[in-house]
Protein backbone atom coordinates (compact mmCIF):
# COMPACT_ATOMS: atom_id res chain seq x y z
CA MET A 1 36.99 38.12 -14.66
CA ALA A 2 35.87 35.08 -16.63
CA GLU A 3 33.70 32.33 -15.19
CA LEU A 4 35.13 28.81 -15.00
CA ILE A 5 33.51 26.14 -17.14
CA SER A 6 33.64 22.37 -16.80
CA PRO A 7 35.36 20.02 -19.24
CA GLU A 8 31.84 18.93 -20.28
CA ASP A 9 30.91 22.54 -21.06
CA PHE A 10 34.09 22.84 -23.11
CA HIS A 11 33.23 19.73 -25.13
CA ALA A 12 29.64 20.88 -25.63
CA ALA A 13 30.95 23.82 -27.69
CA ALA A 14 30.85 23.39 -31.46
CA GLY A 15 33.85 21.83 -33.19
CA LEU A 16 35.94 20.80 -30.21
CA ASP A 17 35.53 17.01 -30.35
CA GLU A 18 39.22 16.38 -30.98
CA TRP A 19 40.33 18.34 -27.90
CA ARG A 20 40.97 16.60 -24.57
CA ALA A 21 39.64 18.66 -21.68
CA GLY A 22 40.28 18.19 -17.98
CA PRO A 23 39.47 20.32 -14.96
CA GLY A 24 42.40 22.69 -15.51
CA SER A 25 43.06 22.83 -19.24
CA ALA A 26 42.32 21.49 -22.71
CA SER A 27 44.81 20.21 -25.28
CA VAL A 28 45.14 18.78 -28.75
CA ARG A 29 47.98 17.63 -30.99
CA TYR A 30 47.92 18.01 -34.77
CA ARG A 31 50.02 16.08 -37.25
CA THR A 32 51.96 18.29 -39.67
CA PRO A 33 53.74 17.19 -42.83
CA ASP A 34 57.05 18.75 -41.80
CA PHE A 35 58.71 21.19 -39.41
CA SER A 36 58.19 24.24 -41.65
CA ALA A 37 54.45 23.58 -41.97
CA GLY A 38 54.26 23.23 -38.20
CA ALA A 39 56.12 26.51 -37.72
CA ARG A 40 53.72 28.32 -40.07
CA PHE A 41 50.81 26.86 -38.10
CA VAL A 42 52.35 28.10 -34.85
CA GLY A 43 52.65 31.56 -36.41
CA GLU A 44 48.96 31.53 -37.29
CA ILE A 45 48.09 30.37 -33.77
CA ALA A 46 50.18 33.25 -32.37
CA GLN A 47 48.31 35.77 -34.52
CA ALA A 48 44.92 34.43 -33.40
CA ALA A 49 46.06 34.40 -29.76
CA ASP A 50 47.18 38.02 -29.98
CA GLU A 51 43.85 39.01 -31.57
CA LEU A 52 41.97 37.31 -28.73
CA ASP A 53 44.47 38.41 -26.06
CA HIS A 54 44.54 34.82 -24.81
CA HIS A 55 47.72 32.80 -25.26
CA PRO A 56 48.10 29.00 -25.24
CA ASP A 57 51.14 26.87 -24.56
CA VAL A 58 52.46 25.55 -27.87
CA ASP A 59 54.95 22.73 -28.44
CA LEU A 60 56.39 22.50 -31.97
CA ARG A 61 57.99 19.19 -32.95
CA TYR A 62 58.94 17.63 -36.26
CA GLY A 63 55.63 16.25 -37.51
CA SER A 64 53.34 17.70 -34.85
CA VAL A 65 52.18 20.74 -32.91
CA ARG A 66 50.65 20.34 -29.44
CA ILE A 67 48.49 23.11 -28.02
CA ARG A 68 47.32 23.50 -24.42
CA THR A 69 44.96 26.24 -23.31
CA ALA A 70 43.83 27.39 -19.88
CA THR A 71 42.83 30.69 -18.33
CA HIS A 72 45.67 30.95 -15.82
CA SER A 73 44.15 33.93 -14.01
CA GLU A 74 41.05 31.83 -13.23
CA GLY A 75 42.81 28.53 -12.64
CA GLY A 76 40.99 26.52 -15.31
CA LEU A 77 38.88 26.61 -18.44
CA THR A 78 36.71 29.57 -19.44
CA SER A 79 34.86 30.77 -22.53
CA LYS A 80 38.15 32.36 -23.62
CA ASP A 81 39.59 28.86 -24.02
CA VAL A 82 36.58 27.74 -26.03
CA GLU A 83 36.93 30.68 -28.42
CA LEU A 84 40.67 30.16 -28.84
CA ALA A 85 40.29 26.40 -29.34
CA GLN A 86 37.62 26.96 -31.99
CA ARG A 87 39.93 29.36 -33.84
CA ILE A 88 42.84 26.93 -33.65
CA THR A 89 40.67 24.05 -34.85
CA GLY A 90 39.54 26.15 -37.80
CA LEU A 91 43.13 27.00 -38.68
CA ALA A 92 44.17 23.33 -38.50
CA ARG A 93 41.29 22.26 -40.72
CA SER A 94 42.03 24.99 -43.27
CA LEU A 95 45.58 23.64 -43.49
CA GLY A 96 44.40 20.04 -43.78
CA PHE A 97 45.93 18.96 -40.46
CA THR A 98 44.34 16.15 -38.47
CA SER A 99 44.50 15.59 -34.75
CA GLU A 100 46.23 12.63 -33.19
CA ALA A 101 45.81 10.97 -29.82
CA GLU A 102 47.94 12.41 -27.08
CA ASP A 103 50.21 10.34 -24.87
């Protein structure tokens, strides 16, 4: 059982400035140059999620990938979400993707 953390705790973790965190989840959207690049990014996210045994919601669109993470069993954010978000942020940066404001 993981302990819930606040959105402020989530943002206090290193490298998560571009994520938007609320009481129940955290999300980010990255711009991608095309659909294929986005699909490859989603594949890398899936691999990281399987390694961590913590799986986000992912929305692949032409030109962007939106990721939302929450620990459903706990009903909000936990350290699992921080670790996954840090991995995803690292992947995005390694691919040269930048975040964009969410609607």
